[in-house]
Amino acid sequence: MELAFRESLKKMRGTKSKEKFSQELEMSRSNYSLIESGKSDPTLKTLERIAELTNSTLVIDLIPNELEQVELQIEEEKQ
């Protein structure tokens, strides 16, 4: 998972402990910790539940691989 997602997830969790938040998500604390640390990707169901618990809107955006390649080339040329 991208760093931006992990940071957003921590902010959305707020002052709740990982234990409390993972219970609300109906998952183990260890699995939640793996998601928050970027070592595991959440399922769509988990993303939907996070959105529900944090009063957020889940947006899924598909980006063609070609576009990512062009962006990488532009960044490399700038350096």
PDB file of N, CA and C in Angstrom:
ATOM      1  N   MET A   1       0.846  -1.193   0.000  1.00  0.00           N
ATOM      2  CA  MET A   1       0.000   0.000   0.000  1.00  0.00           C
ATOM      3  C   MET A   1       0.879   1.241   0.000  1.00  0.00           C
ATOM      4  N   GLU A   2       0.361   2.253  -0.595  1.00  0.00           N
ATOM      5  CA  GLU A   2       1.090   3.508  -0.663  1.00  0.00           C
ATOM      6  C   GLU A   2       1.180   4.162   0.706  1.00  0.00           C
ATOM      7  N   LEU A   3       2.249   4.934   0.878  1.00  0.00           N
ATOM      8  CA  LEU A   3       2.464   5.651   2.131  1.00  0.00           C
ATOM      9  C   LEU A   3       1.295   6.572   2.449  1.00  0.00           C
ATOM     10  N   ALA A   4       0.746   7.225   1.445  1.00  0.00           N
ATOM     11  CA  ALA A   4      -0.374   8.150   1.668  1.00  0.00           C
ATOM     12  C   ALA A   4      -1.567   7.420   2.279  1.00  0.00           C
ATOM     13  N   PHE A   5      -1.846   6.214   1.810  1.00  0.00           N
ATOM     14  CA  PHE A   5      -2.955   5.439   2.371  1.00  0.00           C
ATOM     15  C   PHE A   5      -2.675   5.082   3.819  1.00  0.00           C
ATOM     16  N   ARG A   6      -1.466   4.623   4.095  1.00  0.00           N
ATOM     17  CA  ARG A   6      -1.123   4.216   5.463  1.00  0.00           C
ATOM     18  C   ARG A   6      -1.235   5.393   6.426  1.00  0.00           C
ATOM     19  N   GLU A   7      -0.753   6.556   5.996  1.00  0.00           N
ATOM     20  CA  GLU A   7      -0.846   7.746   6.849  1.00  0.00           C
ATOM     21  C   GLU A   7      -2.300   8.160   7.050  1.00  0.00           C
ATOM     22  N   SER A   8      -3.099   8.086   5.997  1.00  0.00           N
ATOM     23  CA  SER A   8      -4.525   8.417   6.110  1.00  0.00           C
ATOM     24  C   SER A   8      -5.225   7.456   7.058  1.00  0.00           C
ATOM     25  N   LEU A   9      -4.870   6.198   6.969  1.00  0.00           N
ATOM     26  CA  LEU A   9      -5.475   5.190   7.829  1.00  0.00           C
ATOM     27  C   LEU A   9      -5.177   5.485   9.297  1.00  0.00           C
ATOM     28  N   LYS A  10      -3.943   5.851   9.586  1.00  0.00           N
ATOM     29  CA  LYS A  10      -3.576   6.197  10.969  1.00  0.00           C
ATOM     30  C   LYS A  10      -4.370   7.406  11.452  1.00  0.00           C
ATOM     31  N   LYS A  11      -4.514   8.401  10.583  1.00  0.00           N
ATOM     32  CA  LYS A  11      -5.281   9.597  10.958  1.00  0.00           C
ATOM     33  C   LYS A  11      -6.749   9.264  11.168  1.00  0.00           C
ATOM     34  N   MET A  12      -7.313   8.425  10.305  1.00  0.00           N
ATOM     35  CA  MET A  12      -8.725   8.060  10.429  1.00  0.00           C
ATOM     36  C   MET A  12      -8.976   7.253  11.700  1.00  0.00           C
ATOM     37  N   ARG A  13      -7.987   6.469  12.115  1.00  0.00           N
ATOM     38  CA  ARG A  13      -8.122   5.688  13.348  1.00  0.00           C
ATOM     39  C   ARG A  13      -8.186   6.620  14.549  1.00  0.00           C
ATOM     40  N   GLY A  14      -7.543   7.776  14.410  1.00  0.00           N
ATOM     41  CA  GLY A  14      -7.585   8.787  15.466  1.00  0.00           C
ATOM     42  C   GLY A  14      -6.953   8.310  16.754  1.00  0.00           C
ATOM     43  N   THR A  15      -7.641   8.545  17.850  1.00  0.00           N
ATOM     44  CA  THR A  15      -7.098   8.188  19.162  1.00  0.00           C
ATOM     45  C   THR A  15      -7.425   6.753  19.561  1.00  0.00           C
ATOM     46  N   LYS A  16      -8.171   6.056  18.714  1.00  0.00           N
ATOM     47  CA  LYS A  16      -8.486   4.656  19.019  1.00  0.00           C
ATOM     48  C   LYS A  16      -7.220   3.816  18.919  1.00  0.00           C
ATOM     49  N   SER A  17      -7.102   2.854  19.801  1.00  0.00           N
ATOM     50  CA  SER A  17      -5.971   1.930  19.726  1.00  0.00           C
ATOM     51  C   SER A  17      -6.157   1.007  18.519  1.00  0.00           C
ATOM     52  N   LYS A  18      -5.066   0.405  18.084  1.00  0.00           N
ATOM     53  CA  LYS A  18      -5.162  -0.571  16.993  1.00  0.00           C
ATOM     54  C   LYS A  18      -6.080  -1.718  17.406  1.00  0.00           C
ATOM     55  N   GLU A  19      -6.004  -2.089  18.676  1.00  0.00           N
ATOM     56  CA  GLU A  19      -6.851  -3.169  19.195  1.00  0.00           C
ATOM     57  C   GLU A  19      -8.330  -2.824  19.047  1.00  0.00           C
ATOM     58  N   LYS A  20      -8.720  -1.635  19.493  1.00  0.00           N
ATOM     59  CA  LYS A  20     -10.118  -1.199  19.439  1.00  0.00           C
ATOM     60  C   LYS A  20     -10.594  -1.079  17.988  1.00  0.00           C
ATOM     61  N   PHE A  21      -9.783  -0.430  17.141  1.00  0.00           N
ATOM     62  CA  PHE A  21     -10.163  -0.220  15.745  1.00  0.00           C
ATOM     63  C   PHE A  21     -10.288  -1.557  15.013  1.00  0.00           C
ATOM     64  N   SER A  22      -9.352  -2.464  15.265  1.00  0.00           N
ATOM     65  CA  SER A  22      -9.409  -3.772  14.602  1.00  0.00           C
ATOM     66  C   SER A  22     -10.642  -4.558  15.050  1.00  0.00           C
ATOM     67  N   GLN A  23     -11.031  -4.420  16.316  1.00  0.00           N
ATOM     68  CA  GLN A  23     -12.259  -5.075  16.786  1.00  0.00           C
ATOM     69  C   GLN A  23     -13.470  -4.528  16.037  1.00  0.00           C
ATOM     70  N   GLU A  24     -13.506  -3.214  15.854  1.00  0.00           N
ATOM     71  CA  GLU A  24     -14.612  -2.602  15.120  1.00  0.00           C
ATOM     72  C   GLU A  24     -14.637  -3.062  13.663  1.00  0.00           C
ATOM     73  N   LEU A  25     -13.459  -3.366  13.127  1.00  0.00           N
ATOM     74  CA  LEU A  25     -13.352  -3.870  11.751  1.00  0.00           C
ATOM     75  C   LEU A  25     -13.620  -5.371  11.671  1.00  0.00           C
ATOM     76  N   GLU A  26     -13.771  -5.989  12.844  1.00  0.00           N
ATOM     77  CA  GLU A  26     -13.988  -7.433  12.930  1.00  0.00           C
ATOM     78  C   GLU A  26     -12.825  -8.213  12.327  1.00  0.00           C
ATOM     79  N   MET A  27     -11.607  -7.794  12.717  1.00  0.00           N
ATOM     80  CA  MET A  27     -10.405  -8.485  12.285  1.00  0.00           C
ATOM     81  C   MET A  27      -9.412  -8.502  13.446  1.00  0.00           C
ATOM     82  N   SER A  28      -8.387  -9.312  13.335  1.00  0.00           N
ATOM     83  CA  SER A  28      -7.392  -9.376  14.406  1.00  0.00           C
ATOM     84  C   SER A  28      -6.519  -8.123  14.386  1.00  0.00           C
ATOM     85  N   ARG A  29      -5.973  -7.805  15.548  1.00  0.00           N
ATOM     86  CA  ARG A  29      -5.092  -6.651  15.641  1.00  0.00           C
ATOM     87  C   ARG A  29      -3.846  -6.869  14.780  1.00  0.00           C
ATOM     88  N   SER A  30      -3.350  -8.091  14.746  1.00  0.00           N
ATOM     89  CA  SER A  30      -2.145  -8.358  13.951  1.00  0.00           C
ATOM     90  C   SER A  30      -2.405  -8.148  12.457  1.00  0.00           C
ATOM     91  N   ASN A  31      -3.562  -8.570  11.969  1.00  0.00           N
ATOM     92  CA  ASN A  31      -3.886  -8.335  10.553  1.00  0.00           C
ATOM     93  C   ASN A  31      -4.045  -6.847  10.269  1.00  0.00           C
ATOM     94  N   TYR A  32      -4.701  -6.130  11.184  1.00  0.00           N
ATOM     95  CA  TYR A  32      -4.843  -4.684  10.995  1.00  0.00           C
ATOM     96  C   TYR A  32      -3.469  -4.016  10.981  1.00  0.00           C
ATOM     97  N   SER A  33      -2.595  -4.419  11.888  1.00  0.00           N
ATOM     98  CA  SER A  33      -1.249  -3.836  11.949  1.00  0.00           C
ATOM     99  C   SER A  33      -0.483  -4.059  10.654  1.00  0.00           C
ATOM    100  N   LEU A  34      -0.662  -5.235  10.054  1.00  0.00           N
ATOM    101  CA  LEU A  34      -0.001  -5.513   8.773  1.00  0.00           C
ATOM    102  C   LEU A  34      -0.493  -4.560   7.688  1.00  0.00           C
ATOM    103  N   ILE A  35      -1.784  -4.258   7.695  1.00  0.00           N
ATOM    104  CA  ILE A  35      -2.346  -3.323   6.711  1.00  0.00           C
ATOM    105  C   ILE A  35      -1.809  -1.919   6.961  1.00  0.00           C
ATOM    106  N   GLU A  36      -1.858  -1.474   8.221  1.00  0.00           N
ATOM    107  CA  GLU A  36      -1.426  -0.114   8.539  1.00  0.00           C
ATOM    108  C   GLU A  36       0.068   0.085   8.281  1.00  0.00           C
ATOM    109  N   SER A  37       0.853  -0.983   8.412  1.00  0.00           N
ATOM    110  CA  SER A  37       2.294  -0.876   8.172  1.00  0.00           C
ATOM    111  C   SER A  37       2.661  -1.073   6.702  1.00  0.00           C
ATOM    112  N   GLY A  38       1.676  -1.426   5.862  1.00  0.00           N
ATOM    113  CA  GLY A  38       1.938  -1.606   4.440  1.00  0.00           C
ATOM    114  C   GLY A  38       2.456  -2.979   4.074  1.00  0.00           C
ATOM    115  N   LYS A  39       2.428  -3.922   5.017  1.00  0.00           N
ATOM    116  CA  LYS A  39       2.927  -5.272   4.751  1.00  0.00           C
ATOM    117  C   LYS A  39       1.852  -6.194   4.186  1.00  0.00           C
ATOM    118  N   SER A  40       0.610  -5.715   4.197  1.00  0.00           N
ATOM    119  CA  SER A  40      -0.508  -6.486   3.651  1.00  0.00           C
ATOM    120  C   SER A  40      -1.513  -5.511   3.046  1.00  0.00           C
ATOM    121  N   ASP A  41      -2.183  -5.946   2.009  1.00  0.00           N
ATOM    122  CA  ASP A  41      -3.203  -5.109   1.376  1.00  0.00           C
ATOM    123  C   ASP A  41      -4.582  -5.473   1.920  1.00  0.00           C
ATOM    124  N   PRO A  42      -5.405  -4.479   2.196  1.00  0.00           N
ATOM    125  CA  PRO A  42      -6.750  -4.765   2.692  1.00  0.00           C
ATOM    126  C   PRO A  42      -7.643  -5.302   1.578  1.00  0.00           C
ATOM    127  N   THR A  43      -8.619  -6.095   1.965  1.00  0.00           N
ATOM    128  CA  THR A  43      -9.616  -6.559   1.001  1.00  0.00           C
ATOM    129  C   THR A  43     -10.584  -5.416   0.728  1.00  0.00           C
ATOM    130  N   LEU A  44     -11.360  -5.567  -0.321  1.00  0.00           N
ATOM    131  CA  LEU A  44     -12.379  -4.562  -0.629  1.00  0.00           C
ATOM    132  C   LEU A  44     -13.367  -4.453   0.530  1.00  0.00           C
ATOM    133  N   LYS A  45     -13.725  -5.583   1.105  1.00  0.00           N
ATOM    134  CA  LYS A  45     -14.643  -5.587   2.249  1.00  0.00           C
ATOM    135  C   LYS A  45     -14.063  -4.774   3.411  1.00  0.00           C
ATOM    136  N   THR A  46     -12.774  -4.937   3.675  1.00  0.00           N
ATOM    137  CA  THR A  46     -12.126  -4.186   4.755  1.00  0.00           C
ATOM    138  C   THR A  46     -12.115  -2.700   4.439  1.00  0.00           C
ATOM    139  N   LEU A  47     -11.819  -2.342   3.196  1.00  0.00           N
ATOM    140  CA  LEU A  47     -11.834  -0.930   2.803  1.00  0.00           C
ATOM    141  C   LEU A  47     -13.223  -0.327   2.976  1.00  0.00           C
ATOM    142  N   GLU A  48     -14.241  -1.094   2.600  1.00  0.00           N
ATOM    143  CA  GLU A  48     -15.619  -0.614   2.764  1.00  0.00           C
ATOM    144  C   GLU A  48     -15.948  -0.414   4.241  1.00  0.00           C
ATOM    145  N   ARG A  49     -15.500  -1.324   5.072  1.00  0.00           N
ATOM    146  CA  ARG A  49     -15.763  -1.226   6.521  1.00  0.00           C
ATOM    147  C   ARG A  49     -15.015  -0.035   7.122  1.00  0.00           C
ATOM    148  N   ILE A  50     -13.771   0.195   6.704  1.00  0.00           N
ATOM    149  CA  ILE A  50     -13.006   1.355   7.183  1.00  0.00           C
ATOM    150  C   ILE A  50     -13.737   2.633   6.813  1.00  0.00           C
ATOM    151  N   ALA A  51     -14.206   2.712   5.575  1.00  0.00           N
ATOM    152  CA  ALA A  51     -14.943   3.900   5.127  1.00  0.00           C
ATOM    153  C   ALA A  51     -16.191   4.108   5.978  1.00  0.00           C
ATOM    154  N   GLU A  52     -16.892   3.033   6.248  1.00  0.00           N
ATOM    155  CA  GLU A  52     -18.115   3.114   7.050  1.00  0.00           C
ATOM    156  C   GLU A  52     -17.809   3.590   8.477  1.00  0.00           C
ATOM    157  N   LEU A  53     -16.790   3.009   9.096  1.00  0.00           N
ATOM    158  CA  LEU A  53     -16.447   3.346  10.479  1.00  0.00           C
ATOM    159  C   LEU A  53     -15.922   4.767  10.638  1.00  0.00           C
ATOM    160  N   THR A  54     -15.297   5.283   9.590  1.00  0.00           N
ATOM    161  CA  THR A  54     -14.685   6.615   9.681  1.00  0.00           C
ATOM    162  C   THR A  54     -15.507   7.687   8.977  1.00  0.00           C
ATOM    163  N   ASN A  55     -16.725   7.308   8.576  1.00  0.00           N
ATOM    164  CA  ASN A  55     -17.603   8.254   7.883  1.00  0.00           C
ATOM    165  C   ASN A  55     -16.901   8.869   6.667  1.00  0.00           C
ATOM    166  N   SER A  56     -16.261   7.990   5.893  1.00  0.00           N
ATOM    167  CA  SER A  56     -15.506   8.402   4.713  1.00  0.00           C
ATOM    168  C   SER A  56     -16.146   7.807   3.463  1.00  0.00           C
ATOM    169  N   THR A  57     -15.742   8.333   2.326  1.00  0.00           N
ATOM    170  CA  THR A  57     -16.188   7.805   1.043  1.00  0.00           C
ATOM    171  C   THR A  57     -15.052   7.006   0.428  1.00  0.00           C
ATOM    172  N   LEU A  58     -15.343   5.787   0.028  1.00  0.00           N
ATOM    173  CA  LEU A  58     -14.349   4.944  -0.621  1.00  0.00           C
ATOM    174  C   LEU A  58     -14.361   5.236  -2.113  1.00  0.00           C
ATOM    175  N   VAL A  59     -13.201   5.610  -2.654  1.00  0.00           N
ATOM    176  CA  VAL A  59     -13.067   5.900  -4.078  1.00  0.00           C
ATOM    177  C   VAL A  59     -11.995   4.969  -4.635  1.00  0.00           C
ATOM    178  N   ILE A  60     -12.342   4.251  -5.683  1.00  0.00           N
ATOM    179  CA  ILE A  60     -11.384   3.363  -6.340  1.00  0.00           C
ATOM    180  C   ILE A  60     -11.109   3.936  -7.715  1.00  0.00           C
ATOM    181  N   ASP A  61      -9.833   4.146  -8.011  1.00  0.00           N
ATOM    182  CA  ASP A  61      -9.440   4.773  -9.266  1.00  0.00           C
ATOM    183  C   ASP A  61      -8.494   3.839 -10.008  1.00  0.00           C
ATOM    184  N   LEU A  62      -8.835   3.496 -11.214  1.00  0.00           N
ATOM    185  CA  LEU A  62      -7.978   2.655 -12.044  1.00  0.00           C
ATOM    186  C   LEU A  62      -7.148   3.543 -12.960  1.00  0.00           C
ATOM    187  N   ILE A  63      -5.832   3.343 -12.921  1.00  0.00           N
ATOM    188  CA  ILE A  63      -4.918   4.141 -13.733  1.00  0.00           C
ATOM    189  C   ILE A  63      -4.189   3.191 -14.682  1.00  0.00           C
ATOM    190  N   PRO A  64      -4.278   3.431 -15.982  1.00  0.00           N
ATOM    191  CA  PRO A  64      -3.583   2.559 -16.934  1.00  0.00           C
ATOM    192  C   PRO A  64      -2.079   2.537 -16.666  1.00  0.00           C
ATOM    193  N   ASN A  65      -1.461   1.379 -16.824  1.00  0.00           N
ATOM    194  CA  ASN A  65      -0.026   1.240 -16.598  1.00  0.00           C
ATOM    195  C   ASN A  65       0.782   2.170 -17.490  1.00  0.00           C
ATOM    196  N   GLU A  66       0.297   2.422 -18.706  1.00  0.00           N
ATOM    197  CA  GLU A  66       1.032   3.296 -19.617  1.00  0.00           C
ATOM    198  C   GLU A  66       1.174   4.696 -19.020  1.00  0.00           C
ATOM    199  N   LEU A  67       0.136   5.173 -18.368  1.00  0.00           N
ATOM    200  CA  LEU A  67       0.171   6.496 -17.757  1.00  0.00           C
ATOM    201  C   LEU A  67       1.214   6.547 -16.652  1.00  0.00           C
ATOM    202  N   GLU A  68       1.301   5.500 -15.843  1.00  0.00           N
ATOM    203  CA  GLU A  68       2.305   5.445 -14.788  1.00  0.00           C
ATOM    204  C   GLU A  68       3.705   5.482 -15.392  1.00  0.00           C
ATOM    205  N   GLN A  69       3.917   4.778 -16.497  1.00  0.00           N
ATOM    206  CA  GLN A  69       5.220   4.753 -17.143  1.00  0.00           C
ATOM    207  C   GLN A  69       5.607   6.143 -17.640  1.00  0.00           C
ATOM    208  N   VAL A  70       4.666   6.862 -18.224  1.00  0.00           N
ATOM    209  CA  VAL A  70       4.930   8.219 -18.710  1.00  0.00           C
ATOM    210  C   VAL A  70       5.302   9.123 -17.544  1.00  0.00           C
ATOM    211  N   GLU A  71       4.572   9.020 -16.435  1.00  0.00           N
ATOM    212  CA  GLU A  71       4.870   9.843 -15.267  1.00  0.00           C
ATOM    213  C   GLU A  71       6.254   9.536 -14.720  1.00  0.00           C
ATOM    214  N   LEU A  72       6.642   8.262 -14.699  1.00  0.00           N
ATOM    215  CA  LEU A  72       7.968   7.884 -14.225  1.00  0.00           C
ATOM    216  C   LEU A  72       9.050   8.456 -15.132  1.00  0.00           C
ATOM    217  N   GLN A  73       8.837   8.403 -16.442  1.00  0.00           N
ATOM    218  CA  GLN A  73       9.814   8.936 -17.381  1.00  0.00           C
ATOM    219  C   GLN A  73       9.979  10.438 -17.204  1.00  0.00           C
ATOM    220  N   ILE A  74       8.891  11.136 -17.005  1.00  0.00           N
ATOM    221  CA  ILE A  74       8.956  12.590 -16.797  1.00  0.00           C
ATOM    222  C   ILE A  74       9.748  12.896 -15.537  1.00  0.00           C
ATOM    223  N   GLU A  75       9.498  12.155 -14.462  1.00  0.00           N
ATOM    224  CA  GLU A  75      10.216  12.373 -13.209  1.00  0.00           C
ATOM    225  C   GLU A  75      11.712  12.107 -13.389  1.00  0.00           C
ATOM    226  N   GLU A  76      12.063  11.046 -14.118  1.00  0.00           N
ATOM    227  CA  GLU A  76      13.466  10.722 -14.345  1.00  0.00           C
ATOM    228  C   GLU A  76      14.151  11.809 -15.165  1.00  0.00           C
ATOM    229  N   GLU A  77      13.458  12.355 -16.146  1.00  0.00           N
ATOM    230  CA  GLU A  77      14.030  13.404 -16.987  1.00  0.00           C
ATOM    231  C   GLU A  77      14.273  14.685 -16.189  1.00  0.00           C
ATOM    232  N   LYS A  78      13.430  14.956 -15.213  1.00  0.00           N
ATOM    233  CA  LYS A  78      13.598  16.153 -14.386  1.00  0.00           C
ATOM    234  C   LYS A  78      14.854  16.064 -13.525  1.00  0.00           C
ATOM    235  N   GLN A  79      15.214  14.843 -13.153  1.00  0.00           N
ATOM    236  CA  GLN A  79      16.369  14.661 -12.272  1.00  0.00           C
ATOM    237  C   GLN A  79      17.600  14.711 -13.095  1.00  0.00           C
TER     238      GLN A  79
END
